[in-house]
C-alpha atoms as a PDB file:
ATOM      1  CA  MET A   1      80.706  20.755  73.578  1.00  0.00           C
ATOM      2  CA  GLU A   2      84.449  20.290  73.916  1.00  0.00           C
ATOM      3  CA  PRO A   3      86.510  23.403  73.181  1.00  0.00           C
ATOM      4  CA  SER A   4      88.258  23.533  69.860  1.00  0.00           C
ATOM      5  CA  GLU A   5      91.913  24.305  69.453  1.00  0.00           C
ATOM      6  CA  PRO A   6      92.649  27.581  67.662  1.00  0.00           C
ATOM      7  CA  ALA A   7      94.281  27.743  64.291  1.00  0.00           C
ATOM      8  CA  ARG A   8      97.629  29.534  64.385  1.00  0.00           C
ATOM      9  CA  ASN A   9      97.925  30.733  60.784  1.00  0.00           C
ATOM     10  CA  GLY A  10      97.402  34.499  60.995  1.00  0.00           C
ATOM     11  CA  ALA A  11      95.550  34.250  64.300  1.00  0.00           C
ATOM     12  CA  ASP A  12      95.733  37.346  66.449  1.00  0.00           C
ATOM     13  CA  LEU A  13      93.147  37.008  69.206  1.00  0.00           C
ATOM     14  CA  ALA A  14      95.415  34.741  71.239  1.00  0.00           C
ATOM     15  CA  ASP A  15      93.213  32.169  72.869  1.00  0.00           C
ATOM     16  CA  VAL A  16      90.095  34.223  73.635  1.00  0.00           C
ATOM     17  CA  ARG A  17      87.701  31.561  74.911  1.00  0.00           C
ATOM     18  CA  ILE A  18      84.208  31.981  73.480  1.00  0.00           C
ATOM     19  CA  LEU A  19      80.924  30.212  74.145  1.00  0.00           C
ATOM     20  CA  ILE A  20      78.517  30.532  71.208  1.00  0.00           C
ATOM     21  CA  ILE A  21      74.848  30.130  72.111  1.00  0.00           C
ATOM     22  CA  ASP A  22      72.756  29.767  68.965  1.00  0.00           C
ATOM     23  CA  ASP A  23      69.900  27.410  68.121  1.00  0.00           C
ATOM     24  CA  ASP A  24      70.869  27.563  64.425  1.00  0.00           C
ATOM     25  CA  ASN A  25      73.680  25.034  64.103  1.00  0.00           C
ATOM     26  CA  ILE A  26      74.727  26.258  60.656  1.00  0.00           C
ATOM     27  CA  ASN A  27      75.272  29.834  61.876  1.00  0.00           C
ATOM     28  CA  ALA A  28      77.066  28.553  64.974  1.00  0.00           C
ATOM     29  CA  MET A  29      79.422  26.358  62.930  1.00  0.00           C
ATOM     30  CA  LEU A  30      80.155  29.181  60.465  1.00  0.00           C
ATOM     31  CA  ALA A  31      80.919  31.529  63.376  1.00  0.00           C
ATOM     32  CA  LYS A  32      83.124  28.858  64.963  1.00  0.00           C
ATOM     33  CA  SER A  33      85.111  28.520  61.746  1.00  0.00           C
ATOM     34  CA  VAL A  34      85.640  32.290  61.445  1.00  0.00           C
ATOM     35  CA  LEU A  35      86.576  32.745  65.103  1.00  0.00           C
ATOM     36  CA  GLU A  36      89.008  29.812  65.124  1.00  0.00           C
ATOM     37  CA  ARG A  37      90.872  31.426  62.225  1.00  0.00           C
ATOM     38  CA  LEU A  38      91.317  34.446  64.514  1.00  0.00           C
ATOM     39  CA  GLY A  39      92.866  32.259  67.227  1.00  0.00           C
ATOM     40  CA  CYS A  40      89.821  31.908  69.467  1.00  0.00           C
ATOM     41  CA  ILE A  41      88.934  28.728  71.349  1.00  0.00           C
ATOM     42  CA  ILE A  42      85.268  27.922  70.710  1.00  0.00           C
ATOM     43  CA  GLN A  43      82.509  25.995  72.429  1.00  0.00           C
ATOM     44  CA  ILE A  44      78.972  25.816  71.027  1.00  0.00           C
ATOM     45  CA  SER A  45      75.621  25.261  72.679  1.00  0.00           C
ATOM     46  CA  SER A  46      72.343  25.206  70.758  1.00  0.00           C
ATOM     47  CA  ASN A  47      70.227  25.291  73.919  1.00  0.00           C
ATOM     48  CA  PRO A  48      70.348  28.401  76.140  1.00  0.00           C
ATOM     49  CA  VAL A  49      69.334  26.505  79.289  1.00  0.00           C
ATOM     50  CA  LYS A  50      72.127  23.956  78.824  1.00  0.00           C
ATOM     51  CA  ALA A  51      74.523  26.779  77.944  1.00  0.00           C
ATOM     52  CA  LEU A  52      73.714  28.507  81.245  1.00  0.00           C
ATOM     53  CA  GLU A  53      74.368  25.258  83.112  1.00  0.00           C
ATOM     54  CA  LYS A  54      77.687  24.917  81.284  1.00  0.00           C
ATOM     55  CA  TYR A  55      78.615  28.525  82.034  1.00  0.00           C
ATOM     56  CA  ALA A  56      77.768  28.064  85.729  1.00  0.00           C
ATOM     57  CA  ARG A  57      80.144  25.059  85.845  1.00  0.00           C
ATOM     58  CA  ASP A  58      82.916  26.459  83.656  1.00  0.00           C
ATOM     59  CA  LYS A  59      82.713  30.254  83.909  1.00  0.00           C
ATOM     60  CA  ASP A  60      86.427  30.535  84.692  1.00  0.00           C
ATOM     61  CA  THR A  61      87.213  29.020  81.286  1.00  0.00           C
ATOM     62  CA  ILE A  62      84.990  31.344  79.205  1.00  0.00           C
ATOM     63  CA  ASP A  63      86.017  34.915  78.349  1.00  0.00           C
ATOM     64  CA  LEU A  64      83.187  35.915  76.039  1.00  0.00           C
ATOM     65  CA  VAL A  65      79.692  34.719  75.215  1.00  0.00           C
ATOM     66  CA  LEU A  66      78.285  35.205  71.732  1.00  0.00           C
ATOM     67  CA  VAL A  67      74.498  34.860  72.040  1.00  0.00           C
ATOM     68  CA  ASP A  68      71.774  34.728  69.413  1.00  0.00           C
ATOM     69  CA  TYR A  69      68.773  36.858  70.305  1.00  0.00           C
ATOM     70  CA  PHE A  70      65.928  34.962  68.652  1.00  0.00           C
ATOM     71  CA  MET A  71      65.809  31.448  70.120  1.00  0.00           C
ATOM     72  CA  PRO A  72      62.710  29.351  70.872  1.00  0.00           C
ATOM     73  CA  THR A  73      63.366  28.140  74.445  1.00  0.00           C
ATOM     74  CA  MET A  74      64.789  31.382  75.872  1.00  0.00           C
ATOM     75  CA  ASP A  75      65.566  34.573  74.003  1.00  0.00           C
ATOM     76  CA  GLY A  76      68.984  36.175  74.060  1.00  0.00           C
ATOM     77  CA  GLY A  77      67.920  38.936  76.447  1.00  0.00           C
ATOM     78  CA  ALA A  78      66.794  36.468  79.112  1.00  0.00           C
ATOM     79  CA  THR A  79      69.924  34.401  78.501  1.00  0.00           C
ATOM     80  CA  VAL A  80      72.123  37.464  79.047  1.00  0.00           C
ATOM     81  CA  ASP A  81      70.207  38.406  82.196  1.00  0.00           C
ATOM     82  CA  HIS A  82      70.868  34.907  83.614  1.00  0.00           C
ATOM     83  CA  LEU A  83      74.546  35.074  82.601  1.00  0.00           C
ATOM     84  CA  ARG A  84      74.893  38.400  84.446  1.00  0.00           C
ATOM     85  CA  LYS A  85      73.451  36.822  87.602  1.00  0.00           C
ATOM     86  CA  LEU A  86      76.167  34.168  87.394  1.00  0.00           C
ATOM     87  CA  ASN A  87      78.889  36.714  86.603  1.00  0.00           C
ATOM     88  CA  PRO A  88      78.144  40.452  86.402  1.00  0.00           C
ATOM     89  CA  GLU A  89      81.485  40.996  84.618  1.00  0.00           C
ATOM     90  CA  ILE A  90      80.977  38.509  81.761  1.00  0.00           C
ATOM     91  CA  LYS A  91      81.570  39.984  78.318  1.00  0.00           C
ATOM     92  CA  VAL A  92      78.682  39.352  75.931  1.00  0.00           C
ATOM     93  CA  LEU A  93      78.144  40.040  72.252  1.00  0.00           C
ATOM     94  CA  LEU A  94      74.747  39.749  70.632  1.00  0.00           C
ATOM     95  CA  PHE A  95      74.823  37.618  67.479  1.00  0.00           C
ATOM     96  CA  SER A  96      71.866  38.334  65.232  1.00  0.00           C
ATOM     97  CA  GLY A  97      70.548  39.077  61.787  1.00  0.00           C
ATOM     98  CA  ALA A  98      68.162  41.727  63.144  1.00  0.00           C
ATOM     99  CA  ASP A  99      68.271  45.263  61.812  1.00  0.00           C
ATOM    100  CA  GLU A 100      70.738  47.784  63.256  1.00  0.00           C
ATOM    101  CA  MET A 101      68.162  49.821  65.183  1.00  0.00           C
ATOM    102  CA  ARG A 102      66.722  46.725  66.888  1.00  0.00           C
ATOM    103  CA  LEU A 103      70.213  45.462  67.774  1.00  0.00           C
ATOM    104  CA  ARG A 104      71.149  48.775  69.389  1.00  0.00           C
ATOM    105  CA  GLN A 105      67.925  48.744  71.402  1.00  0.00           C
ATOM    106  CA  ILE A 106      68.596  45.215  72.665  1.00  0.00           C
ATOM    107  CA  ILE A 107      72.207  45.907  73.682  1.00  0.00           C
ATOM    108  CA  ARG A 108      71.164  49.020  75.623  1.00  0.00           C
ATOM    109  CA  GLN A 109      68.299  47.178  77.308  1.00  0.00           C
ATOM    110  CA  HIS A 110      70.536  44.293  78.475  1.00  0.00           C
ATOM    111  CA  SER A 111      73.890  46.110  78.904  1.00  0.00           C
ATOM    112  CA  ILE A 112      75.544  43.998  76.210  1.00  0.00           C
ATOM    113  CA  GLU A 113      79.040  44.991  75.042  1.00  0.00           C
ATOM    114  CA  GLY A 114      78.130  45.021  71.355  1.00  0.00           C
ATOM    115  CA  TYR A 115      76.846  42.928  68.498  1.00  0.00           C
ATOM    116  CA  LEU A 116      77.972  40.929  65.501  1.00  0.00           C
ATOM    117  CA  HIS A 117      75.865  40.447  62.401  1.00  0.00           C
ATOM    118  CA  LYS A 118      74.892  37.119  60.903  1.00  0.00           C
ATOM    119  CA  PRO A 119      76.487  35.744  58.884  1.00  0.00           C
ATOM    120  CA  LEU A 120      79.649  36.475  60.845  1.00  0.00           C
ATOM    121  CA  ARG A 121      82.350  38.327  58.934  1.00  0.00           C
ATOM    122  CA  LYS A 122      85.969  37.896  59.968  1.00  0.00           C
ATOM    123  CA  GLU A 123      86.866  41.609  59.833  1.00  0.00           C
ATOM    124  CA  GLU A 124      83.877  42.674  61.940  1.00  0.00           C
ATOM    125  CA  ALA A 125      84.495  39.929  64.523  1.00  0.00           C
ATOM    126  CA  GLN A 126      88.182  40.802  64.717  1.00  0.00           C
ATOM    127  CA  ARG A 127      87.500  44.516  65.227  1.00  0.00           C
ATOM    128  CA  ILE A 128      84.796  44.065  67.885  1.00  0.00           C
ATOM    129  CA  ILE A 129      86.643  41.377  69.872  1.00  0.00           C
ATOM    130  CA  ARG A 130      89.847  43.447  69.792  1.00  0.00           C
ATOM    131  CA  GLU A 131      87.888  46.324  71.345  1.00  0.00           C
ATOM    132  CA  ILE A 132      86.803  44.049  74.203  1.00  0.00           C
ATOM    133  CA  PHE A 133      90.199  42.351  74.679  1.00  0.00           C
ATOM    134  CA  PRO A 134      92.834  44.831  73.423  1.00  0.00           C
ATOM    135  CA  ALA A 135      95.781  43.263  75.278  1.00  0.00           C
ATOM    136  CA  ARG A 136      95.183  39.880  73.648  1.00  0.00           C
ATOM    137  CA  SER A 137      95.430  41.290  70.139  1.00  0.00           C
ATOM    138  CA  GLU A 138      98.853  42.867  70.608  1.00  0.00           C
ATOM    139  CA  PRO A 139     101.626  41.133  68.670  1.00  0.00           C
ATOM    140  CA  VAL A 140     104.024  38.987  70.644  1.00  0.00           C
ATOM    141  CA  ALA A 141     107.661  40.051  70.320  1.00  0.00           C
ATOM    142  CA  SER A 142     109.873  37.348  68.895  1.00  0.00           C
ATOM    143  CA  THR A 143     113.239  36.602  70.473  1.00  0.00           C
END
């Protein structure tokens, strides 16, 4: 679960550090690929319990958690509730293929910042993450 280095070609989310928690490795790897192209630094955990342990150890190195809702060992709602106990200010996005109405219900219920649909689309991820971290998406002036 070592962090990846961001790609710099067209990247604009300057080093936002994201932990993806998803039991589906294919979806997690696809999301990682999309987010790295935006400049994000990605870590992946397929097990929510291990992800919570990692977050407890390394919370100062994680800016955003992208969490799947439907997981066998612990659902996304319980995972978010545990993350909030560790850090009430952590930014969380739900990552799911559920229908829009269900996603909105879940984010209200667990005070989640928003959601991203599976499969992850670059434009949607860019827009939502920019809303959460607006200062990091501003262009850097060249000298």
